[in-house]
Amino acid sequence: MSVTLTEAESYVVGLKPSLDAQMTILKGKLSSISSKIYLSPGRLKTKESVYLKTKRKSKRLNEIYDYAGLRLLCLFEDDIFEVHKDFVRMLRVVDDEEIDAKYQLKKCSVYNWDKDYQESIKNEVNKYYQEGKEYKFESEEKPSGYKSIHYVVRQEGQRGWVEVQLRTLIQDVWGQLEHSISYKKGGVHPHIRKSFYLLSKDLGNIESLLSYLRTVNKKEEAGEEYFNKSAKPQYVFNYEDSIFPIIFNSKEELKNASDSYWEMVNGELLITPEWVSKARGYLDVIEDGISARELAKNQELTYWIKMEKAFLLFCEEKHEKSLEIYGDVEKEHKDRYCVYFRMGELYFILGRIVEALDAFDKAESLLKTTDGLGLVNQHRIKTKLAYTYWRLGEEYIDICNEEIDDAREKYYENPDDFTEKQRMALVNNVCWYRLEKYIILQNRFLCERKAEDEKKALKAYEDVTAEFEEVEKCLQDGGKEAGHMLDTAAWYCYWSYKRDIRNKDFLAKAKVYAYALNDMTKSPPREMRSMKTYMAHIQEIMSE
């Protein structure tokens, strides 16, 4: 006897409280098992949908198992199996102890996956449920082509089954489109069905390409994490005269140790384990030569020792321990710019970007109010901030350029305070960040073709061209050993060529600089991140 619409309505109304409760609990559990899940809002079948399904499938009301539905969506196909494992385990295991099934599993259906993958899916379910006795496993090739895993589950003590579908976001959109176009009353035109089948092959290629791009990105992130973990401070900050402990001048042993220590750390830092060990030896002599009484009554002395301990831990790449000491110092010395700057560096290395920027902001604020602060210190901080904002991405390129302009301003207040190497680095940095801004604006114009973007790109090109003239002068004056400067020159000439590919002179110059840069890279040691950038630029230039 066929089901009437009234009977379908009555049945759905009766199940609704139980299904609502199950859906609420399931959503809560699923949101906590994996960060890779995007949950759909979920749905309850309407009386009309139930009624039509009884007609279409010749089923009784108690033979329908998807009165409620929920979709688990992943960004990438590679995540599907991991989420599958977490989901099935969640159904059966509570607090890491197996119990009688909190959820019954009626069926697990796999659509359009290859046989090996189907076996992996089934084997994982079989760890928790007995196939044939507790649940039924099905696999099917559907003409639509989209891949999915469906589970029919019910919480013990509740009425009505919930169907949970697991697939990628792209597969979900595909399924919705296919359902919208093909799922009609009556037959489906064979051309539509065939077209969806053929298009599904392209969908598989898209999924594979996205997974590949994700793999490439993961490798990039792994490389970045490696670079960060091996990051060390590039220089020290000179202490103000009021900070440097007077006690060092009153005891000869302390004075000798502090002079030796300061001679090591105040020059160009070539940090090795031996260097750190030697520096720490001098610092230990200093600390051992100071009595607890002297230490207790002299805050500046305590500040100095803690700062240097944290600095040497930073040199050893013990970033967490270093940050812990700087944090202790910050509690007692909130007026010290250097503490916040070092904390910003370490937060950035550890991937805590918001905290890094907050610490840098505090350091900058204190820079404006600290009397007698050396221009070199201010210049170094501004240079580091420019680099940090550049590393954060194109949205920060304007702030990056503002910071490097401030650094240049500090330099020109008294150039005699700076070395020739610092001057050349400044010239290169200004040109590089201007070039980065031009590339961002030019790519934006080429993508969107807006007149406003074209004007901005032209202005940025004029700016970087003016700075490039200074770079060329430095290279002509004997700065060819500076790898960064050769890379900047090569990259500027290459992008000038791309701006007007008829001008082969720029391409020729780019290759000259690239050859010189390539020769330089053969002479180690070089910083790995720089080497990676150099080689990427050389390859692109030489491919033209």
Protein backbone atom coordinates (compact mmCIF):
# COMPACT_ATOMS: atom_id res chain seq x y z
CA MET A 1 0.00 0.00 0.00
CA SER A 2 1.45 3.35 -1.01
CA VAL A 3 2.25 6.10 1.49
CA THR A 4 0.07 9.22 1.46
CA LEU A 5 1.35 12.77 1.82
CA THR A 6 -0.50 13.07 5.15
CA GLU A 7 1.23 9.96 6.46
CA ALA A 8 4.60 11.30 5.34
CA GLU A 9 3.95 14.58 7.13
CA SER A 10 2.90 12.86 10.34
CA TYR A 11 5.99 10.63 10.29
CA VAL A 12 8.38 13.57 9.72
CA VAL A 13 6.76 15.62 12.50
CA GLY A 14 7.13 12.69 14.88
CA LEU A 15 10.85 12.30 14.12
CA LYS A 16 11.71 16.00 14.19
CA PRO A 17 12.53 16.42 17.95
CA SER A 18 14.87 13.41 17.88
CA LEU A 19 16.53 14.45 14.62
CA ASP A 20 17.02 18.03 15.80
CA ALA A 21 18.71 16.78 18.97
CA GLN A 22 20.98 14.43 17.02
CA MET A 23 21.97 17.14 14.55
CA THR A 24 22.86 19.57 17.34
CA ILE A 25 25.04 17.04 19.14
CA LEU A 26 26.70 15.85 15.92
CA LYS A 27 27.59 19.40 14.85
CA GLY A 28 29.17 20.07 18.22
CA LYS A 29 31.25 16.89 18.10
CA LEU A 30 32.28 17.33 14.47
CA SER A 31 33.46 20.90 14.94
CA SER A 32 35.99 19.67 17.50
CA ILE A 33 37.45 16.58 15.80
CA SER A 34 39.30 18.34 12.98
CA SER A 35 40.20 21.85 11.84
CA LYS A 36 39.93 20.61 8.24
CA ILE A 37 36.12 20.27 8.34
CA TYR A 38 33.66 22.77 6.99
CA LEU A 39 30.17 21.88 8.18
CA SER A 40 27.07 22.50 6.10
CA PRO A 41 24.06 23.89 7.99
CA GLY A 42 22.32 20.52 7.69
CA ARG A 43 18.75 19.83 6.69
CA LEU A 44 15.65 17.82 7.56
CA LYS A 45 13.69 16.23 4.74
CA THR A 46 10.41 17.90 3.95
CA LYS A 47 7.17 15.95 3.84
CA GLU A 48 7.13 16.46 0.04
CA SER A 49 10.64 15.07 -0.36
CA VAL A 50 9.82 12.03 1.80
CA TYR A 51 6.58 11.43 -0.05
CA LEU A 52 8.30 11.53 -3.47
CA LYS A 53 11.07 9.23 -2.28
CA THR A 54 8.56 6.60 -1.22
CA LYS A 55 7.18 6.75 -4.77
CA ARG A 56 10.51 6.87 -6.55
CA LYS A 57 12.24 4.17 -4.51
CA SER A 58 9.16 2.08 -3.60
CA LYS A 59 10.10 2.33 0.09
CA ARG A 60 8.09 2.39 3.26
CA LEU A 61 8.57 5.27 5.69
CA ASN A 62 10.73 3.20 8.06
CA GLU A 63 13.01 2.18 5.17
CA ILE A 64 14.21 5.74 4.52
CA TYR A 65 17.50 6.53 6.23
CA ASP A 66 18.20 10.17 5.34
CA TYR A 67 15.44 12.05 7.13
CA ALA A 68 18.21 14.37 8.33
CA GLY A 69 21.40 15.21 6.46
CA LEU A 70 24.72 16.84 7.21
CA ARG A 71 27.72 17.41 4.97
CA LEU A 72 31.36 17.37 6.07
CA LEU A 73 33.38 19.36 3.55
CA CYS A 74 37.15 19.52 3.13
CA LEU A 75 39.21 21.91 1.05
CA PHE A 76 41.43 19.17 -0.36
CA GLU A 77 40.90 15.59 -1.46
CA ASP A 78 44.01 14.59 0.49
CA ASP A 79 42.18 15.45 3.72
CA ILE A 80 39.23 13.12 3.11
CA PHE A 81 40.77 9.96 4.55
CA GLU A 82 42.06 11.67 7.69
CA VAL A 83 38.62 13.17 8.37
CA HIS A 84 37.03 9.78 7.66
CA LYS A 85 39.25 8.19 10.31
CA ASP A 86 38.44 10.88 12.87
CA PHE A 87 34.72 10.71 12.15
CA VAL A 88 34.38 6.92 12.45
CA ARG A 89 36.44 6.91 15.62
CA MET A 90 34.26 9.67 17.06
CA LEU A 91 31.17 7.53 16.49
CA ARG A 92 32.57 4.64 18.49
CA VAL A 93 35.14 5.98 20.98
CA VAL A 94 34.68 8.37 23.88
CA ASP A 95 37.57 9.73 25.96
CA ASP A 96 40.01 7.32 24.29
CA GLU A 97 38.17 4.29 25.66
CA GLU A 98 36.07 1.95 23.52
CA ILE A 99 32.52 1.50 24.75
CA ASP A 100 29.36 0.00 23.34
CA ALA A 101 28.60 2.10 20.27
CA LYS A 102 27.40 5.52 21.20
CA TYR A 103 26.29 5.74 17.58
CA GLN A 104 24.88 2.96 15.47
CA LEU A 105 26.23 2.78 11.94
CA LYS A 106 23.67 1.48 9.48
CA LYS A 107 25.61 1.86 6.27
CA CYS A 108 28.80 3.28 4.75
CA SER A 109 28.63 4.00 1.02
CA VAL A 110 31.56 5.03 -1.15
CA TYR A 111 30.93 6.67 -4.52
CA ASN A 112 33.39 6.92 -7.42
CA TRP A 113 36.58 6.09 -5.51
CA ASP A 114 39.05 3.52 -6.82
CA LYS A 115 39.20 0.02 -5.31
CA ASP A 116 42.30 0.59 -3.19
CA TYR A 117 40.75 3.67 -1.65
CA GLN A 118 37.50 1.80 -1.03
CA GLU A 119 39.41 -0.89 0.84
CA SER A 120 41.17 1.68 2.97
CA ILE A 121 37.86 3.30 3.83
CA LYS A 122 36.28 -0.05 4.73
CA ASN A 123 39.27 -1.27 6.76
CA GLU A 124 39.13 1.86 8.89
CA VAL A 125 35.41 1.37 9.60
CA ASN A 126 36.02 -2.30 10.42
CA LYS A 127 38.25 -1.27 13.33
CA TYR A 128 35.13 -0.15 15.15
CA TYR A 129 32.13 -1.90 13.53
CA GLN A 130 31.59 -5.43 12.26
CA GLU A 131 30.81 -5.47 8.56
CA GLY A 132 27.69 -7.46 7.74
CA LYS A 133 26.63 -7.66 11.37
CA GLU A 134 26.58 -4.06 12.54
CA TYR A 135 26.75 -2.19 9.26
CA LYS A 136 26.63 -2.63 5.49
CA PHE A 137 29.45 -1.43 3.21
CA GLU A 138 28.61 -0.36 -0.33
CA SER A 139 30.61 1.02 -3.25
CA GLU A 140 29.20 2.40 -6.45
CA GLU A 141 30.25 4.20 -9.62
CA LYS A 142 27.76 6.99 -10.26
CA PRO A 143 27.38 8.61 -13.71
CA SER A 144 27.63 12.06 -12.15
CA GLY A 145 31.31 11.34 -11.47
CA TYR A 146 31.62 13.20 -8.19
CA LYS A 147 33.31 11.48 -5.26
CA SER A 148 31.71 11.16 -1.85
CA ILE A 149 31.45 8.98 1.25
CA HIS A 150 28.05 8.59 2.93
CA TYR A 151 27.35 7.31 6.43
CA VAL A 152 23.95 6.50 7.91
CA VAL A 153 24.15 6.92 11.69
CA ARG A 154 21.85 7.13 14.70
CA GLN A 155 22.61 8.05 18.26
CA GLU A 156 21.59 5.30 20.66
CA GLY A 157 18.24 5.95 22.28
CA GLN A 158 17.05 8.26 19.48
CA ARG A 159 14.63 7.80 16.58
CA GLY A 160 15.42 8.41 12.95
CA TRP A 161 18.63 8.07 10.96
CA VAL A 162 20.99 10.87 9.93
CA GLU A 163 22.95 10.72 6.69
CA VAL A 164 26.41 12.31 6.92
CA GLN A 165 28.17 12.99 3.61
CA LEU A 166 31.92 13.57 3.34
CA ARG A 167 33.44 15.21 0.28
CA THR A 168 35.50 18.21 -0.84
CA LEU A 169 34.05 21.67 -1.30
CA ILE A 170 34.55 21.41 -5.05
CA GLN A 171 32.84 18.03 -5.19
CA ASP A 172 29.98 19.45 -3.16
CA VAL A 173 29.45 22.34 -5.56
CA TRP A 174 29.62 19.87 -8.42
CA GLY A 175 27.05 17.65 -6.75
CA GLN A 176 24.73 20.60 -6.16
CA LEU A 177 25.01 21.68 -9.79
CA GLU A 178 24.43 18.18 -11.09
CA HIS A 179 21.45 17.73 -8.77
CA SER A 180 19.98 21.08 -9.79
CA ILE A 181 20.21 20.40 -13.52
CA SER A 182 19.72 16.64 -13.71
CA TYR A 183 17.41 15.87 -10.82
CA LYS A 184 14.12 16.62 -12.59
CA LYS A 185 10.71 15.13 -12.64
CA GLY A 186 10.71 12.61 -15.41
CA GLY A 187 13.73 11.58 -17.44
CA VAL A 188 17.03 13.39 -17.87
CA HIS A 189 18.18 14.27 -21.37
CA PRO A 190 20.99 11.84 -22.28
CA HIS A 191 23.21 14.70 -23.50
CA ILE A 192 23.01 16.34 -20.08
CA ARG A 193 23.89 13.09 -18.32
CA LYS A 194 26.76 12.40 -20.73
CA SER A 195 28.07 15.95 -20.43
CA PHE A 196 28.19 15.76 -16.66
CA TYR A 197 30.07 12.48 -16.89
CA LEU A 198 32.67 13.99 -19.25
CA LEU A 199 33.00 17.15 -17.17
CA SER A 200 33.57 15.04 -14.07
CA LYS A 201 36.88 13.91 -15.60
CA ASP A 202 38.02 17.54 -15.64
CA LEU A 203 36.83 17.86 -12.06
CA GLY A 204 39.21 15.07 -11.08
CA ASN A 205 42.06 16.89 -12.79
CA ILE A 206 41.19 20.09 -10.93
CA GLU A 207 41.19 18.24 -7.61
CA SER A 208 44.58 16.70 -8.44
CA LEU A 209 46.01 20.07 -9.42
CA LEU A 210 44.75 21.67 -6.21
CA SER A 211 46.30 18.87 -4.17
CA TYR A 212 49.57 19.37 -6.04
CA LEU A 213 49.50 23.13 -5.40
CA ARG A 214 48.86 22.43 -1.75
CA THR A 215 51.87 20.10 -1.65
CA VAL A 216 54.03 22.80 -3.22
CA ASN A 217 52.75 25.31 -0.68
CA LYS A 218 53.45 22.91 2.19
CA LYS A 219 57.03 22.55 0.99
CA GLU A 220 57.33 26.33 0.85
CA GLU A 221 55.97 26.59 4.38
CA ALA A 222 58.32 23.85 5.59
CA GLY A 223 61.25 25.74 4.09
CA GLU A 224 60.08 28.96 5.69
CA GLU A 225 59.72 27.21 9.05
CA TYR A 226 63.24 25.87 8.69
CA PHE A 227 64.61 29.33 7.87
CA ASN A 228 62.77 30.80 10.85
CA LYS A 229 63.98 28.15 13.26
CA SER A 230 67.56 28.89 12.25
CA ALA A 231 67.10 32.67 12.55
CA LYS A 232 69.56 34.59 14.70
CA PRO A 233 69.91 38.27 15.59
CA GLN A 234 71.83 40.19 12.93
CA TYR A 235 73.29 42.83 15.22
CA VAL A 236 73.25 44.20 18.75
CA PHE A 237 71.94 47.52 19.97
CA ASN A 238 74.29 49.95 21.65
CA TYR A 239 73.21 50.65 25.22
CA GLU A 240 72.67 54.23 26.30
CA ASP A 241 75.38 55.46 28.67
CA SER A 242 72.85 55.50 31.51
CA ILE A 243 72.16 51.80 31.00
CA PHE A 244 75.69 50.47 30.78
CA PRO A 245 76.54 49.43 34.37
CA ILE A 246 79.05 51.72 36.08
CA ILE A 247 80.30 48.78 38.12
CA PHE A 248 82.18 47.51 35.09
CA ASN A 249 84.60 50.40 35.39
CA SER A 250 85.19 49.94 39.14
CA LYS A 251 86.42 46.33 39.06
CA GLU A 252 89.29 45.44 36.74
CA GLU A 253 88.23 41.82 36.24
CA LEU A 254 84.71 42.88 35.32
CA LYS A 255 86.01 45.62 33.05
CA ASN A 256 88.27 43.22 31.16
CA ALA A 257 85.50 40.65 30.79
CA SER A 258 82.94 43.25 29.69
CA ASP A 259 85.40 44.78 27.20
CA SER A 260 86.12 41.34 25.71
CA TYR A 261 82.43 40.47 25.62
CA TRP A 262 81.45 43.75 24.03
CA GLU A 263 84.22 43.47 21.44
CA MET A 264 82.77 40.12 20.37
CA VAL A 265 79.11 41.10 20.11
CA ASN A 266 79.43 44.68 18.90
CA GLY A 267 81.06 43.88 15.57
CA GLU A 268 79.66 42.01 12.59
CA LEU A 269 78.00 38.94 14.04
CA LEU A 270 79.39 35.67 12.67
CA ILE A 271 77.56 33.42 15.08
CA THR A 272 78.81 29.85 15.58
CA PRO A 273 78.49 27.48 18.56
CA GLU A 274 82.09 28.33 19.45
CA TRP A 275 81.36 32.04 19.28
CA VAL A 276 78.35 31.67 21.61
CA SER A 277 80.32 29.51 24.05
CA LYS A 278 83.13 32.08 24.25
CA ALA A 279 80.71 35.00 24.65
CA ARG A 280 78.82 33.15 27.38
CA GLY A 281 82.12 32.49 29.16
CA TYR A 282 82.77 36.24 29.40
CA LEU A 283 79.19 36.84 30.56
CA ASP A 284 79.58 34.17 33.28
CA VAL A 285 82.73 35.89 34.53
CA ILE A 286 80.81 39.15 34.74
CA GLU A 287 77.84 37.63 36.58
CA ASP A 288 80.07 35.63 38.99
CA GLY A 289 81.98 38.83 39.83
CA ILE A 290 78.85 40.63 40.99
CA SER A 291 77.51 39.98 44.47
CA ALA A 292 73.85 39.25 45.09
CA ARG A 293 73.68 42.46 47.12
CA GLU A 294 75.02 44.56 44.26
CA LEU A 295 72.63 42.84 41.87
CA ALA A 296 69.62 43.42 44.12
CA LYS A 297 70.17 47.16 44.48
CA ASN A 298 71.04 47.85 40.84
CA GLN A 299 68.12 47.47 38.44
CA GLU A 300 70.20 48.53 35.46
CA LEU A 301 72.71 45.79 36.16
CA THR A 302 69.96 43.16 36.37
CA TYR A 303 68.49 44.52 33.14
CA TRP A 304 71.82 44.28 31.32
CA ILE A 305 72.58 40.71 32.40
CA LYS A 306 69.10 39.41 31.55
CA MET A 307 69.17 41.12 28.17
CA GLU A 308 72.51 39.55 27.29
CA LYS A 309 71.40 36.09 28.47
CA ALA A 310 68.33 36.33 26.26
CA PHE A 311 70.47 37.60 23.40
CA LEU A 312 72.84 34.62 23.56
CA LEU A 313 69.89 32.20 23.69
CA PHE A 314 68.58 33.94 20.57
CA CYS A 315 71.98 33.37 18.97
CA GLU A 316 71.66 29.66 19.80
CA GLU A 317 68.24 29.56 18.09
CA LYS A 318 66.55 28.81 21.43
CA HIS A 319 63.74 31.16 20.57
CA GLU A 320 61.16 30.13 23.17
CA LYS A 321 63.64 30.36 26.05
CA SER A 322 64.96 33.68 24.80
CA LEU A 323 61.44 35.08 24.52
CA GLU A 324 60.67 33.94 28.07
CA ILE A 325 63.57 35.98 29.47
CA TYR A 326 62.74 39.03 27.36
CA GLY A 327 59.18 38.72 28.66
CA ASP A 328 60.44 38.82 32.25
CA VAL A 329 62.53 41.89 31.47
CA GLU A 330 59.56 43.62 29.84
CA LYS A 331 57.52 43.36 33.05
CA GLU A 332 60.09 45.48 34.92
CA HIS A 333 61.27 47.73 32.07
CA LYS A 334 58.33 48.85 29.97
CA ASP A 335 60.27 51.93 28.89
CA ARG A 336 62.92 49.98 26.96
CA TYR A 337 62.43 49.89 23.19
CA CYS A 338 65.01 47.13 22.70
CA VAL A 339 63.03 44.61 24.77
CA TYR A 340 59.93 45.06 22.64
CA PHE A 341 61.93 44.93 19.43
CA ARG A 342 63.59 41.64 20.36
CA MET A 343 60.24 40.21 21.44
CA GLY A 344 58.81 41.30 18.08
CA GLU A 345 61.60 39.49 16.26
CA LEU A 346 61.02 36.31 18.24
CA TYR A 347 57.23 36.42 17.96
CA PHE A 348 57.65 36.78 14.19
CA ILE A 349 60.04 33.81 14.02
CA LEU A 350 57.56 31.72 16.02
CA GLY A 351 54.72 32.65 13.68
CA ARG A 352 52.86 34.78 16.24
CA ILE A 353 52.32 37.64 13.82
CA VAL A 354 49.79 39.76 15.72
CA GLU A 355 51.94 39.73 18.87
CA ALA A 356 55.00 40.55 16.76
CA LEU A 357 53.37 43.60 15.21
CA ASP A 358 52.11 44.76 18.61
CA ALA A 359 55.62 44.49 20.06
CA PHE A 360 57.10 46.36 17.09
CA ASP A 361 54.48 49.11 17.52
CA LYS A 362 55.54 49.54 21.15
CA ALA A 363 59.19 49.65 20.14
CA GLU A 364 58.45 52.33 17.55
CA SER A 365 56.43 54.36 20.04
CA LEU A 366 59.30 54.31 22.53
CA LEU A 367 61.75 55.27 19.80
CA LYS A 368 59.95 58.62 19.51
CA THR A 369 60.31 59.40 23.21
CA THR A 370 63.72 57.96 24.11
CA ASP A 371 66.22 60.78 24.59
CA GLY A 372 69.77 60.36 23.37
CA LEU A 373 69.04 57.21 21.39
CA GLY A 374 71.73 56.64 18.76
CA LEU A 375 70.86 57.14 15.11
CA VAL A 376 72.40 53.75 14.26
CA ASN A 377 70.00 51.97 16.62
CA GLN A 378 67.03 53.83 15.19
CA HIS A 379 68.18 53.10 11.65
CA ARG A 380 68.59 49.39 12.43
CA ILE A 381 65.14 49.12 13.96
CA LYS A 382 63.49 50.89 11.04
CA THR A 383 65.36 48.67 8.56
CA LYS A 384 64.25 45.54 10.40
CA LEU A 385 60.66 46.74 10.51
CA ALA A 386 60.69 47.37 6.76
CA TYR A 387 61.93 43.83 6.18
CA THR A 388 59.30 42.40 8.55
CA TYR A 389 56.42 44.17 6.81
CA TRP A 390 57.78 43.10 3.43
CA ARG A 391 57.79 39.48 4.60
CA LEU A 392 54.15 39.80 5.64
CA GLY A 393 53.04 40.22 2.03
CA GLU A 394 51.84 42.73 -0.53
CA GLU A 395 49.13 44.23 1.68
CA TYR A 396 51.91 45.70 3.84
CA ILE A 397 54.13 47.05 1.06
CA ASP A 398 53.22 50.70 1.73
CA ILE A 399 54.10 50.38 5.42
CA CYS A 400 57.32 48.63 4.39
CA ASN A 401 58.29 51.59 2.20
CA GLU A 402 57.40 54.07 4.94
CA GLU A 403 59.71 52.26 7.36
CA ILE A 404 62.64 52.16 4.94
CA ASP A 405 62.14 55.87 4.20
CA ASP A 406 62.38 56.52 7.95
CA ALA A 407 65.58 54.44 8.05
CA ARG A 408 67.03 56.55 5.23
CA GLU A 409 66.05 59.70 7.07
CA LYS A 410 68.00 58.54 10.13
CA TYR A 411 71.01 57.81 7.95
CA TYR A 412 71.07 61.27 6.41
CA GLU A 413 70.85 62.96 9.80
CA ASN A 414 74.52 62.03 10.23
CA PRO A 415 76.04 59.75 7.56
CA ASP A 416 79.38 59.73 9.40
CA ASP A 417 77.85 57.44 12.05
CA PHE A 418 77.42 54.68 9.47
CA THR A 419 79.77 52.34 7.62
CA GLU A 420 80.00 52.08 3.84
CA LYS A 421 78.43 48.63 4.04
CA GLN A 422 75.42 50.09 5.86
CA ARG A 423 75.09 52.77 3.21
CA MET A 424 75.12 50.23 0.40
CA ALA A 425 72.58 48.05 2.20
CA LEU A 426 70.30 51.06 2.60
CA VAL A 427 70.56 51.99 -1.09
CA ASN A 428 69.70 48.43 -2.06
CA ASN A 429 66.82 48.09 0.40
CA VAL A 430 65.14 51.29 -0.75
CA CYS A 431 65.36 50.21 -4.39
CA TRP A 432 64.20 46.66 -3.64
CA TYR A 433 61.09 47.70 -1.73
CA ARG A 434 60.22 50.29 -4.39
CA LEU A 435 60.60 47.55 -7.00
CA GLU A 436 58.35 45.21 -5.03
CA LYS A 437 55.69 47.92 -4.88
CA TYR A 438 55.91 48.46 -8.63
CA ILE A 439 55.59 44.72 -9.36
CA ILE A 440 52.50 44.46 -7.13
CA LEU A 441 50.81 47.46 -8.78
CA GLN A 442 51.78 46.38 -12.30
CA ASN A 443 50.39 42.88 -11.78
CA ARG A 444 47.21 44.37 -10.37
CA PHE A 445 46.84 46.56 -13.45
CA LEU A 446 47.49 43.67 -15.84
CA CYS A 447 44.86 41.63 -14.03
CA GLU A 448 42.09 44.22 -13.66
CA ARG A 449 43.00 46.76 -16.40
CA LYS A 450 41.89 49.79 -14.38
CA ALA A 451 43.19 53.20 -15.42
CA GLU A 452 43.77 54.15 -11.80
CA ASP A 453 46.03 51.12 -11.26
CA GLU A 454 47.96 51.97 -14.42
CA LYS A 455 48.71 55.46 -13.08
CA LYS A 456 49.84 54.06 -9.74
CA ALA A 457 52.07 51.50 -11.46
CA LEU A 458 53.64 54.20 -13.64
CA LYS A 459 54.38 56.38 -10.60
CA ALA A 460 55.89 53.39 -8.78
CA TYR A 461 58.08 52.62 -11.81
CA GLU A 462 59.35 56.19 -11.91
CA ASP A 463 60.17 55.95 -8.20
CA VAL A 464 62.09 52.71 -8.49
CA THR A 465 63.94 53.95 -11.58
CA ALA A 466 65.27 56.91 -9.60
CA GLU A 467 66.48 54.55 -6.86
CA PHE A 468 68.02 52.16 -9.36
CA GLU A 469 70.39 54.88 -10.50
CA GLU A 470 71.92 54.81 -7.01
CA VAL A 471 72.20 51.02 -7.12
CA GLU A 472 74.10 51.20 -10.42
CA LYS A 473 76.48 53.77 -8.99
CA CYS A 474 77.25 51.49 -6.05
CA LEU A 475 77.90 48.55 -8.36
CA GLN A 476 80.13 50.67 -10.59
CA ASP A 477 82.07 51.82 -7.53
CA GLY A 478 83.02 48.28 -6.63
CA GLY A 479 79.96 46.92 -4.87
CA LYS A 480 79.69 43.85 -7.08
CA GLU A 481 80.30 41.49 -4.19
CA ALA A 482 76.95 42.49 -2.69
CA GLY A 483 74.62 39.67 -3.74
CA HIS A 484 71.47 41.50 -2.74
CA MET A 485 72.43 44.46 -4.89
CA LEU A 486 73.18 42.32 -7.95
CA ASP A 487 69.85 40.57 -7.52
CA THR A 488 68.02 43.89 -7.22
CA ALA A 489 69.73 45.20 -10.36
CA ALA A 490 68.96 42.06 -12.35
CA TRP A 491 65.34 41.99 -11.23
CA TYR A 492 64.78 45.69 -11.95
CA CYS A 493 66.18 45.33 -15.48
CA TYR A 494 64.07 42.23 -16.08
CA TRP A 495 60.86 43.96 -15.03
CA SER A 496 61.80 46.99 -17.12
CA TYR A 497 62.12 44.64 -20.08
CA LYS A 498 58.72 43.11 -19.27
CA ARG A 499 57.28 46.61 -19.26
CA ASP A 500 58.45 47.05 -22.84
CA ILE A 501 59.58 43.76 -24.42
CA ARG A 502 60.79 45.64 -27.49
CA ASN A 503 63.59 47.08 -25.39
CA LYS A 504 66.09 44.22 -25.50
CA ASP A 505 68.76 46.36 -23.83
CA PHE A 506 67.10 45.85 -20.47
CA LEU A 507 66.99 42.08 -20.96
CA ALA A 508 70.67 42.07 -21.90
CA LYS A 509 71.56 44.06 -18.76
CA ALA A 510 69.41 41.75 -16.64
CA LYS A 511 71.37 38.76 -17.93
CA VAL A 512 74.72 40.45 -17.27
CA TYR A 513 73.74 41.02 -13.66
CA ALA A 514 72.29 37.51 -13.43
CA TYR A 515 75.58 35.99 -14.65
CA ALA A 516 77.48 37.98 -12.03
CA LEU A 517 74.99 36.89 -9.38
CA ASN A 518 75.30 33.26 -10.43
CA ASP A 519 79.10 33.44 -10.15
CA MET A 520 78.77 34.94 -6.69
CA THR A 521 76.46 32.15 -5.48
CA LYS A 522 79.25 29.63 -6.12
CA SER A 523 81.26 31.18 -3.29
CA PRO A 524 79.76 30.00 0.01
CA PRO A 525 78.61 30.69 2.60
CA ARG A 526 75.35 32.36 1.56
CA GLU A 527 72.11 32.73 3.50
CA MET A 528 69.76 30.01 2.23
CA ARG A 529 66.67 32.19 1.85
CA SER A 530 68.69 34.64 -0.26
CA MET A 531 70.09 31.82 -2.38
CA LYS A 532 66.59 30.56 -3.08
CA THR A 533 65.47 34.02 -4.22
CA TYR A 534 68.57 34.52 -6.33
CA MET A 535 68.17 31.23 -8.15
CA ALA A 536 64.46 31.82 -8.84
CA HIS A 537 65.26 35.20 -10.38
CA ILE A 538 68.20 33.85 -12.39
CA GLN A 539 66.06 31.05 -13.83
CA GLU A 540 63.28 33.40 -14.88
CA ILE A 541 65.64 35.92 -16.48
CA MET A 542 67.65 33.29 -18.35
CA SER A 543 64.50 31.63 -19.69
CA GLU A 544 63.73 34.70 -21.81
